[in-house]
Each structure stands twice: as C-alpha cells, then as structure tokens.
PDB file of N, CA and C in Angstrom:
ATOM      1  N   MET A   1       0.820  -1.196   0.000  1.00  0.00           N
ATOM      2  CA  MET A   1       0.000   0.000   0.000  1.00  0.00           C
ATOM      3  C   MET A   1       0.867   1.264   0.000  1.00  0.00           C
ATOM      4  N   VAL A   2       1.917   1.244   0.819  1.00  0.00           N
ATOM      5  CA  VAL A   2       2.788   2.407   0.900  1.00  0.00           C
ATOM      6  C   VAL A   2       3.533   2.613  -0.419  1.00  0.00           C
ATOM      7  N   LYS A   3       4.031   1.527  -1.005  1.00  0.00           N
ATOM      8  CA  LYS A   3       4.760   1.636  -2.269  1.00  0.00           C
ATOM      9  C   LYS A   3       3.852   2.125  -3.385  1.00  0.00           C
ATOM     10  N   LYS A   4       2.605   1.687  -3.365  1.00  0.00           N
ATOM     11  CA  LYS A   4       1.648   2.116  -4.383  1.00  0.00           C
ATOM     12  C   LYS A   4       1.388   3.617  -4.260  1.00  0.00           C
ATOM     13  N   GLU A   5       1.196   4.102  -3.040  1.00  0.00           N
ATOM     14  CA  GLU A   5       0.943   5.527  -2.824  1.00  0.00           C
ATOM     15  C   GLU A   5       2.161   6.366  -3.221  1.00  0.00           C
ATOM     16  N   LEU A   6       3.339   5.891  -2.884  1.00  0.00           N
ATOM     17  CA  LEU A   6       4.563   6.593  -3.253  1.00  0.00           C
ATOM     18  C   LEU A   6       4.725   6.631  -4.771  1.00  0.00           C
ATOM     19  N   PHE A   7       4.432   5.526  -5.436  1.00  0.00           N
ATOM     20  CA  PHE A   7       4.524   5.454  -6.889  1.00  0.00           C
ATOM     21  C   PHE A   7       3.526   6.408  -7.549  1.00  0.00           C
ATOM     22  N   ILE A   8       2.319   6.491  -7.010  1.00  0.00           N
ATOM     23  CA  ILE A   8       1.324   7.431  -7.545  1.00  0.00           C
ATOM     24  C   ILE A   8       1.827   8.864  -7.397  1.00  0.00           C
ATOM     25  N   GLY A   9       2.435   9.175  -6.259  1.00  0.00           N
ATOM     26  CA  GLY A   9       2.996  10.507  -6.047  1.00  0.00           C
ATOM     27  C   GLY A   9       4.109  10.823  -7.025  1.00  0.00           C
ATOM     28  N   ILE A  10       4.945   9.828  -7.304  1.00  0.00           N
ATOM     29  CA  ILE A  10       6.028  10.025  -8.272  1.00  0.00           C
ATOM     30  C   ILE A  10       5.457  10.277  -9.665  1.00  0.00           C
ATOM     31  N   LEU A  11       4.447   9.501 -10.048  1.00  0.00           N
ATOM     32  CA  LEU A  11       3.826   9.706 -11.367  1.00  0.00           C
ATOM     33  C   LEU A  11       3.176  11.083 -11.474  1.00  0.00           C
ATOM     34  N   VAL A  12       2.467  11.486 -10.419  1.00  0.00           N
ATOM     35  CA  VAL A  12       1.824  12.805 -10.428  1.00  0.00           C
ATOM     36  C   VAL A  12       2.883  13.904 -10.500  1.00  0.00           C
ATOM     37  N   GLY A  13       3.985  13.736  -9.773  1.00  0.00           N
ATOM     38  CA  GLY A  13       5.063  14.717  -9.811  1.00  0.00           C
ATOM     39  C   GLY A  13       5.694  14.836 -11.187  1.00  0.00           C
ATOM     40  N   LEU A  14       5.933  13.697 -11.830  1.00  0.00           N
ATOM     41  CA  LEU A  14       6.496  13.725 -13.185  1.00  0.00           C
ATOM     42  C   LEU A  14       5.531  14.357 -14.179  1.00  0.00           C
ATOM     43  N   LEU A  15       4.259  14.003 -14.061  1.00  0.00           N
ATOM     44  CA  LEU A  15       3.252  14.561 -14.963  1.00  0.00           C
ATOM     45  C   LEU A  15       3.106  16.067 -14.755  1.00  0.00           C
ATOM     46  N   ALA A  16       3.062  16.502 -13.499  1.00  0.00           N
ATOM     47  CA  ALA A  16       2.943  17.932 -13.211  1.00  0.00           C
ATOM     48  C   ALA A  16       4.166  18.688 -13.721  1.00  0.00           C
ATOM     49  N   ASN A  17       5.327  18.086 -13.573  1.00  0.00           N
ATOM     50  CA  ASN A  17       6.541  18.740 -14.051  1.00  0.00           C
ATOM     51  C   ASN A  17       6.552  18.842 -15.574  1.00  0.00           C
ATOM     52  N   PHE A  18       6.127  17.787 -16.252  1.00  0.00           N
ATOM     53  CA  PHE A  18       6.092  17.832 -17.710  1.00  0.00           C
ATOM     54  C   PHE A  18       5.072  18.862 -18.199  1.00  0.00           C
ATOM     55  N   ILE A  19       3.902  18.894 -17.585  1.00  0.00           N
ATOM     56  CA  ILE A  19       2.884  19.876 -17.983  1.00  0.00           C
ATOM     57  C   ILE A  19       3.390  21.292 -17.725  1.00  0.00           C
ATOM     58  N   GLY A  20       4.037  21.498 -16.583  1.00  0.00           N
ATOM     59  CA  GLY A  20       4.599  22.810 -16.278  1.00  0.00           C
ATOM     60  C   GLY A  20       5.687  23.215 -17.251  1.00  0.00           C
ATOM     61  N   LEU A  21       6.541  22.271 -17.621  1.00  0.00           N
ATOM     62  CA  LEU A  21       7.590  22.549 -18.607  1.00  0.00           C
ATOM     63  C   LEU A  21       6.975  22.889 -19.958  1.00  0.00           C
ATOM     64  N   TYR A  22       5.947  22.152 -20.337  1.00  0.00           N
ATOM     65  CA  TYR A  22       5.268  22.412 -21.607  1.00  0.00           C
ATOM     66  C   TYR A  22       4.648  23.813 -21.605  1.00  0.00           C
ATOM     67  N   LEU A  23       3.953  24.160 -20.524  1.00  0.00           N
ATOM     68  CA  LEU A  23       3.331  25.484 -20.442  1.00  0.00           C
ATOM     69  C   LEU A  23       4.374  26.596 -20.442  1.00  0.00           C
ATOM     70  N   ALA A  24       5.456  26.408 -19.688  1.00  0.00           N
ATOM     71  CA  ALA A  24       6.509  27.424 -19.650  1.00  0.00           C
ATOM     72  C   ALA A  24       7.157  27.586 -21.020  1.00  0.00           C
ATOM     73  N   ALA A  25       7.370  26.482 -21.719  1.00  0.00           N
ATOM     74  CA  ALA A  25       8.000  26.556 -23.037  1.00  0.00           C
ATOM     75  C   ALA A  25       7.086  27.237 -24.044  1.00  0.00           C
ATOM     76  N   ILE A  26       5.802  26.942 -23.988  1.00  0.00           N
ATOM     77  CA  ILE A  26       4.870  27.550 -24.941  1.00  0.00           C
ATOM     78  C   ILE A  26       4.660  29.036 -24.631  1.00  0.00           C
ATOM     79  N   ILE A  27       4.521  29.367 -23.345  1.00  0.00           N
ATOM     80  CA  ILE A  27       4.270  30.764 -22.977  1.00  0.00           C
ATOM     81  C   ILE A  27       5.513  31.626 -23.200  1.00  0.00           C
ATOM     82  N   LEU A  28       6.660  31.149 -22.739  1.00  0.00           N
ATOM     83  CA  LEU A  28       7.875  31.957 -22.816  1.00  0.00           C
ATOM     84  C   LEU A  28       8.652  31.758 -24.109  1.00  0.00           C
ATOM     85  N   GLY A  29       8.364  30.684 -24.823  1.00  0.00           N
ATOM     86  CA  GLY A  29       9.133  30.370 -26.018  1.00  0.00           C
ATOM     87  C   GLY A  29       8.708  31.114 -27.256  1.00  0.00           C
ATOM     88  N   GLY A  30       7.535  31.691 -27.230  1.00  0.00           N
ATOM     89  CA  GLY A  30       7.071  32.392 -28.417  1.00  0.00           C
ATOM     90  C   GLY A  30       6.517  31.431 -29.447  1.00  0.00           C
ATOM     91  N   SER A  31       6.822  31.689 -30.697  1.00  0.00           N
ATOM     92  CA  SER A  31       6.294  30.854 -31.768  1.00  0.00           C
ATOM     93  C   SER A  31       7.120  29.586 -31.911  1.00  0.00           C
ATOM     94  N   GLY A  32       6.536  28.602 -32.507  1.00  0.00           N
ATOM     95  CA  GLY A  32       7.220  27.339 -32.729  1.00  0.00           C
ATOM     96  C   GLY A  32       6.622  26.233 -31.887  1.00  0.00           C
ATOM     97  N   ASP A  33       6.991  25.024 -32.239  1.00  0.00           N
ATOM     98  CA  ASP A  33       6.472  23.897 -31.478  1.00  0.00           C
ATOM     99  C   ASP A  33       7.341  23.660 -30.241  1.00  0.00           C
ATOM    100  N   PHE A  34       6.915  22.721 -29.437  1.00  0.00           N
ATOM    101  CA  PHE A  34       7.531  22.460 -28.136  1.00  0.00           C
ATOM    102  C   PHE A  34       8.997  22.069 -28.275  1.00  0.00           C
ATOM    103  N   PHE A  35       9.303  21.168 -29.184  1.00  0.00           N
ATOM    104  CA  PHE A  35      10.667  20.665 -29.301  1.00  0.00           C
ATOM    105  C   PHE A  35      11.620  21.707 -29.882  1.00  0.00           C
ATOM    106  N   SER A  36      11.135  22.546 -30.779  1.00  0.00           N
ATOM    107  CA  SER A  36      12.004  23.602 -31.302  1.00  0.00           C
ATOM    108  C   SER A  36      12.290  24.654 -30.234  1.00  0.00           C
ATOM    109  N   VAL A  37      11.312  24.905 -29.364  1.00  0.00           N
ATOM    110  CA  VAL A  37      11.533  25.834 -28.255  1.00  0.00           C
ATOM    111  C   VAL A  37      12.568  25.264 -27.294  1.00  0.00           C
ATOM    112  N   LEU A  38      12.478  23.958 -26.999  1.00  0.00           N
ATOM    113  CA  LEU A  38      13.463  23.333 -26.111  1.00  0.00           C
ATOM    114  C   LEU A  38      14.860  23.360 -26.720  1.00  0.00           C
ATOM    115  N   LYS A  39      14.938  23.136 -28.014  1.00  0.00           N
ATOM    116  CA  LYS A  39      16.242  23.141 -28.678  1.00  0.00           C
ATOM    117  C   LYS A  39      16.851  24.536 -28.659  1.00  0.00           C
ATOM    118  N   SER A  40      16.047  25.547 -28.953  1.00  0.00           N
ATOM    119  CA  SER A  40      16.575  26.916 -28.918  1.00  0.00           C
ATOM    120  C   SER A  40      16.903  27.342 -27.490  1.00  0.00           C
ATOM    121  N   ALA A  41      16.137  26.854 -26.514  1.00  0.00           N
ATOM    122  CA  ALA A  41      16.442  27.161 -25.113  1.00  0.00           C
ATOM    123  C   ALA A  41      17.773  26.548 -24.704  1.00  0.00           C
ATOM    124  N   GLN A  42      18.045  25.361 -25.190  1.00  0.00           N
ATOM    125  CA  GLN A  42      19.318  24.718 -24.879  1.00  0.00           C
ATOM    126  C   GLN A  42      20.475  25.478 -25.526  1.00  0.00           C
ATOM    127  N   LEU A  43      20.290  25.908 -26.756  1.00  0.00           N
ATOM    128  CA  LEU A  43      21.349  26.640 -27.452  1.00  0.00           C
ATOM    129  C   LEU A  43      21.604  28.007 -26.826  1.00  0.00           C
ATOM    130  N   GLU A  44      20.545  28.649 -26.337  1.00  0.00           N
ATOM    131  CA  GLU A  44      20.688  29.979 -25.751  1.00  0.00           C
ATOM    132  C   GLU A  44      21.003  29.935 -24.261  1.00  0.00           C
ATOM    133  N   GLY A  45      20.960  28.767 -23.660  1.00  0.00           N
ATOM    134  CA  GLY A  45      21.387  28.617 -22.273  1.00  0.00           C
ATOM    135  C   GLY A  45      20.332  28.867 -21.216  1.00  0.00           C
ATOM    136  N   PHE A  46      19.064  28.800 -21.553  1.00  0.00           N
ATOM    137  CA  PHE A  46      18.048  28.967 -20.527  1.00  0.00           C
ATOM    138  C   PHE A  46      17.124  27.756 -20.393  1.00  0.00           C
ATOM    139  N   LEU A  47      17.607  26.600 -20.805  1.00  0.00           N
ATOM    140  CA  LEU A  47      16.822  25.378 -20.655  1.00  0.00           C
ATOM    141  C   LEU A  47      16.607  25.038 -19.186  1.00  0.00           C
ATOM    142  N   THR A  48      17.628  25.240 -18.362  1.00  0.00           N
ATOM    143  CA  THR A  48      17.485  24.925 -16.938  1.00  0.00           C
ATOM    144  C   THR A  48      16.453  25.824 -16.268  1.00  0.00           C
ATOM    145  N   LYS A  49      16.346  27.038 -16.738  1.00  0.00           N
ATOM    146  CA  LYS A  49      15.332  27.946 -16.185  1.00  0.00           C
ATOM    147  C   LYS A  49      13.926  27.470 -16.542  1.00  0.00           C
ATOM    148  N   LEU A  50      13.754  26.970 -17.758  1.00  0.00           N
ATOM    149  CA  LEU A  50      12.456  26.420 -18.156  1.00  0.00           C
ATOM    150  C   LEU A  50      12.098  25.188 -17.331  1.00  0.00           C
ATOM    151  N   ILE A  51      13.085  24.343 -17.072  1.00  0.00           N
ATOM    152  CA  ILE A  51      12.826  23.137 -16.284  1.00  0.00           C
ATOM    153  C   ILE A  51      12.407  23.506 -14.866  1.00  0.00           C
ATOM    154  N   THR A  52      13.078  24.477 -14.267  1.00  0.00           N
ATOM    155  CA  THR A  52      12.707  24.863 -12.904  1.00  0.00           C
ATOM    156  C   THR A  52      11.355  25.562 -12.867  1.00  0.00           C
ATOM    157  N   LEU A  53      11.024  26.317 -13.894  1.00  0.00           N
ATOM    158  CA  LEU A  53       9.680  26.904 -13.947  1.00  0.00           C
ATOM    159  C   LEU A  53       8.616  25.819 -14.083  1.00  0.00           C
ATOM    160  N   GLY A  54       8.950  24.764 -14.792  1.00  0.00           N
ATOM    161  CA  GLY A  54       8.020  23.648 -14.931  1.00  0.00           C
ATOM    162  C   GLY A  54       7.759  22.930 -13.624  1.00  0.00           C
ATOM    163  N   ALA A  55       8.715  22.978 -12.712  1.00  0.00           N
ATOM    164  CA  ALA A  55       8.563  22.287 -11.428  1.00  0.00           C
ATOM    165  C   ALA A  55       7.636  23.021 -10.465  1.00  0.00           C
ATOM    166  N   ILE A  56       7.201  24.209 -10.810  1.00  0.00           N
ATOM    167  CA  ILE A  56       6.307  24.963  -9.924  1.00  0.00           C
ATOM    168  C   ILE A  56       4.973  24.240  -9.743  1.00  0.00           C
ATOM    169  N   LEU A  57       4.509  23.553 -10.771  1.00  0.00           N
ATOM    170  CA  LEU A  57       3.247  22.816 -10.633  1.00  0.00           C
ATOM    171  C   LEU A  57       3.345  21.695  -9.602  1.00  0.00           C
ATOM    172  N   ASN A  58       4.558  21.244  -9.309  1.00  0.00           N
ATOM    173  CA  ASN A  58       4.718  20.233  -8.266  1.00  0.00           C
ATOM    174  C   ASN A  58       4.302  20.776  -6.903  1.00  0.00           C
ATOM    175  N   LEU A  59       4.466  22.071  -6.699  1.00  0.00           N
ATOM    176  CA  LEU A  59       4.021  22.670  -5.437  1.00  0.00           C
ATOM    177  C   LEU A  59       2.521  22.500  -5.243  1.00  0.00           C
ATOM    178  N   ILE A  60       1.784  22.718  -6.305  1.00  0.00           N
ATOM    179  CA  ILE A  60       0.326  22.585  -6.221  1.00  0.00           C
ATOM    180  C   ILE A  60      -0.055  21.151  -5.889  1.00  0.00           C
ATOM    181  N   ALA A  61       0.553  20.195  -6.590  1.00  0.00           N
ATOM    182  CA  ALA A  61       0.259  18.784  -6.323  1.00  0.00           C
ATOM    183  C   ALA A  61       0.664  18.407  -4.903  1.00  0.00           C
ATOM    184  N   PHE A  62       1.809  18.883  -4.455  1.00  0.00           N
ATOM    185  CA  PHE A  62       2.290  18.573  -3.107  1.00  0.00           C
ATOM    186  C   PHE A  62       1.309  19.068  -2.046  1.00  0.00           C
ATOM    187  N   PHE A  63       0.877  20.312  -2.156  1.00  0.00           N
ATOM    188  CA  PHE A  63      -0.012  20.859  -1.138  1.00  0.00           C
ATOM    189  C   PHE A  63      -1.411  20.258  -1.200  1.00  0.00           C
ATOM    190  N   ILE A  64      -1.850  19.854  -2.370  1.00  0.00           N
ATOM    191  CA  ILE A  64      -3.138  19.147  -2.456  1.00  0.00           C
ATOM    192  C   ILE A  64      -3.053  17.820  -1.717  1.00  0.00           C
ATOM    193  N   PHE A  65      -1.973  17.083  -1.914  1.00  0.00           N
ATOM    194  CA  PHE A  65      -1.811  15.803  -1.218  1.00  0.00           C
ATOM    195  C   PHE A  65      -1.667  15.997   0.288  1.00  0.00           C
ATOM    196  N   ILE A  66      -0.978  17.043   0.708  1.00  0.00           N
ATOM    197  CA  ILE A  66      -0.853  17.320   2.144  1.00  0.00           C
ATOM    198  C   ILE A  66      -2.211  17.669   2.738  1.00  0.00           C
ATOM    199  N   LYS A  67      -2.981  18.474   2.027  1.00  0.00           N
ATOM    200  CA  LYS A  67      -4.305  18.878   2.522  1.00  0.00           C
ATOM    201  C   LYS A  67      -5.233  17.676   2.651  1.00  0.00           C
ATOM    202  N   LYS A  68      -5.123  16.717   1.723  1.00  0.00           N
ATOM    203  CA  LYS A  68      -5.958  15.516   1.767  1.00  0.00           C
ATOM    204  C   LYS A  68      -5.392  14.450   2.702  1.00  0.00           C
ATOM    205  N   LYS A  69      -4.288  14.769   3.381  1.00  0.00           N
ATOM    206  CA  LYS A  69      -3.616  13.837   4.294  1.00  0.00           C
ATOM    207  C   LYS A  69      -3.143  12.566   3.587  1.00  0.00           C
ATOM    208  N   GLN A  70      -2.647  12.731   2.382  1.00  0.00           N
ATOM    209  CA  GLN A  70      -2.055  11.635   1.617  1.00  0.00           C
ATOM    210  C   GLN A  70      -0.542  11.862   1.605  1.00  0.00           C
ATOM    211  N   ASP A  71       0.066  11.566   2.746  1.00  0.00           N
ATOM    212  CA  ASP A  71       1.462  11.918   2.965  1.00  0.00           C
ATOM    213  C   ASP A  71       2.423  11.174   2.047  1.00  0.00           C
ATOM    214  N   TYR A  72       2.145   9.922   1.751  1.00  0.00           N
ATOM    215  CA  TYR A  72       3.067   9.168   0.902  1.00  0.00           C
ATOM    216  C   TYR A  72       3.032   9.650  -0.545  1.00  0.00           C
ATOM    217  N   ARG A  73       1.879  10.076  -1.003  1.00  0.00           N
ATOM    218  CA  ARG A  73       1.811  10.663  -2.341  1.00  0.00           C
ATOM    219  C   ARG A  73       2.567  11.989  -2.370  1.00  0.00           C
ATOM    220  N   ALA A  74       2.417  12.780  -1.319  1.00  0.00           N
ATOM    221  CA  ALA A  74       3.162  14.038  -1.222  1.00  0.00           C
ATOM    222  C   ALA A  74       4.656  13.771  -1.180  1.00  0.00           C
ATOM    223  N   ARG A  75       5.051  12.694  -0.519  1.00  0.00           N
ATOM    224  CA  ARG A  75       6.459  12.319  -0.464  1.00  0.00           C
ATOM    225  C   ARG A  75       6.977  11.955  -1.858  1.00  0.00           C
ATOM    226  N   GLY A  76       6.158  11.295  -2.650  1.00  0.00           N
ATOM    227  CA  GLY A  76       6.549  10.968  -4.020  1.00  0.00           C
ATOM    228  C   GLY A  76       6.752  12.209  -4.870  1.00  0.00           C
ATOM    229  N   VAL A  77       5.854  13.178  -4.728  1.00  0.00           N
ATOM    230  CA  VAL A  77       5.998  14.441  -5.462  1.00  0.00           C
ATOM    231  C   VAL A  77       7.269  15.156  -5.011  1.00  0.00           C
ATOM    232  N   LEU A  78       7.543  15.123  -3.721  1.00  0.00           N
ATOM    233  CA  LEU A  78       8.747  15.755  -3.195  1.00  0.00           C
ATOM    234  C   LEU A  78      10.011  15.076  -3.724  1.00  0.00           C
ATOM    235  N   LEU A  79       9.987  13.756  -3.834  1.00  0.00           N
ATOM    236  CA  LEU A  79      11.132  13.031  -4.394  1.00  0.00           C
ATOM    237  C   LEU A  79      11.400  13.445  -5.836  1.00  0.00           C
ATOM    238  N   VAL A  80      10.347  13.580  -6.617  1.00  0.00           N
ATOM    239  CA  VAL A  80      10.511  14.012  -8.009  1.00  0.00           C
ATOM    240  C   VAL A  80      11.064  15.431  -8.060  1.00  0.00           C
ATOM    241  N   THR A  81      10.587  16.297  -7.182  1.00  0.00           N
ATOM    242  CA  THR A  81      11.060  17.677  -7.164  1.00  0.00           C
ATOM    243  C   THR A  81      12.547  17.743  -6.822  1.00  0.00           C
ATOM    244  N   VAL A  82      12.968  16.945  -5.858  1.00  0.00           N
ATOM    245  CA  VAL A  82      14.389  16.908  -5.504  1.00  0.00           C
ATOM    246  C   VAL A  82      15.205  16.352  -6.667  1.00  0.00           C
ATOM    247  N   PHE A  83      14.699  15.311  -7.312  1.00  0.00           N
ATOM    248  CA  PHE A  83      15.396  14.748  -8.472  1.00  0.00           C
ATOM    249  C   PHE A  83      15.532  15.784  -9.585  1.00  0.00           C
ATOM    250  N   ILE A  84      14.476  16.533  -9.847  1.00  0.00           N
ATOM    251  CA  ILE A  84      14.518  17.564 -10.890  1.00  0.00           C
ATOM    252  C   ILE A  84      15.513  18.655 -10.511  1.00  0.00           C
ATOM    253  N   ALA A  85      15.574  19.014  -9.232  1.00  0.00           N
ATOM    254  CA  ALA A  85      16.532  20.029  -8.785  1.00  0.00           C
ATOM    255  C   ALA A  85      17.970  19.558  -8.998  1.00  0.00           C
ATOM    256  N   VAL A  86      18.259  18.315  -8.637  1.00  0.00           N
ATOM    257  CA  VAL A  86      19.604  17.774  -8.830  1.00  0.00           C
ATOM    258  C   VAL A  86      19.922  17.665 -10.321  1.00  0.00           C
ATOM    259  N   PHE A  87      18.966  17.191 -11.106  1.00  0.00           N
ATOM    260  CA  PHE A  87      19.152  17.080 -12.552  1.00  0.00           C
ATOM    261  C   PHE A  87      19.433  18.448 -13.168  1.00  0.00           C
ATOM    262  N   THR A  88      18.717  19.470 -12.719  1.00  0.00           N
ATOM    263  CA  THR A  88      18.908  20.813 -13.248  1.00  0.00           C
ATOM    264  C   THR A  88      20.288  21.350 -12.883  1.00  0.00           C
ATOM    265  N   MET A  89      20.729  21.088 -11.652  1.00  0.00           N
ATOM    266  CA  MET A  89      22.066  21.539 -11.252  1.00  0.00           C
ATOM    267  C   MET A  89      23.149  20.850 -12.071  1.00  0.00           C
ATOM    268  N   VAL A  90      22.995  19.557 -12.293  1.00  0.00           N
ATOM    269  CA  VAL A  90      23.972  18.825 -13.100  1.00  0.00           C
ATOM    270  C   VAL A  90      23.971  19.345 -14.527  1.00  0.00           C
ATOM    271  N   LEU A  91      22.794  19.590 -15.074  1.00  0.00           N
ATOM    272  CA  LEU A  91      22.683  20.093 -16.443  1.00  0.00           C
ATOM    273  C   LEU A  91      23.287  21.487 -16.571  1.00  0.00           C
ATOM    274  N   LYS A  92      23.125  22.285 -15.550  1.00  0.00           N
ATOM    275  CA  LYS A  92      23.619  23.663 -15.580  1.00  0.00           C
ATOM    276  C   LYS A  92      25.143  23.733 -15.487  1.00  0.00           C
ATOM    277  N   PHE A  93      25.725  22.924 -14.617  1.00  0.00           N
ATOM    278  CA  PHE A  93      27.148  23.069 -14.330  1.00  0.00           C
ATOM    279  C   PHE A  93      28.047  22.082 -15.058  1.00  0.00           C
ATOM    280  N   ILE A  94      27.474  21.165 -15.805  1.00  0.00           N
ATOM    281  CA  ILE A  94      28.318  20.220 -16.550  1.00  0.00           C
ATOM    282  C   ILE A  94      28.159  20.427 -18.038  1.00  0.00           C
TER     283      ILE A  94
END
C-alpha cells in the first residue's frame, strides 16, 4: 500500500513537471512547437530555467496531497522535485 501511494505521487510529480515545462515553453518560447523551443532554449542557455519553472506545478500537487492527508503521495511528489533540482544543477554546471 505504501509503495503504491509513493509510486502514484512520483507519477503525479512527473506529470505535473512535464505539464509545467510544456506550459513554460509555450508561454515563454514564443512561436514554434515544443521541441524547437526546447532546442533553442538549450542553445541559448536557458533550458534549466524552463525546467525549474516547470517544477512549480509540483508545489500545487504537493499541497493538495498534504491537505488531503495523503502523505506518501506528497512524499513521491517531493522526491521528483528533488530529483529535478539535482538534474537541473547537473545540467547547468556540466
């Protein structure tokens, strides 16, 4: 039961992060499709900023799970957020 709840939280965190990244890329990227915006963001050096903006939706999912007292799902969202933060730091500095 605990592993299932944690897995659901991880899936929700990944989905929220992807949706947030998509929205940030479309809103801030201007014209073009999603992948061309990501490619130009990588070339111009602001891909990591788009990824971190995409992680903002994880806050909403996290607080919804906390409010509903679904702590293990919130823990899964938090794990994804930490993973995205580490991934972004590695991408930025390497």
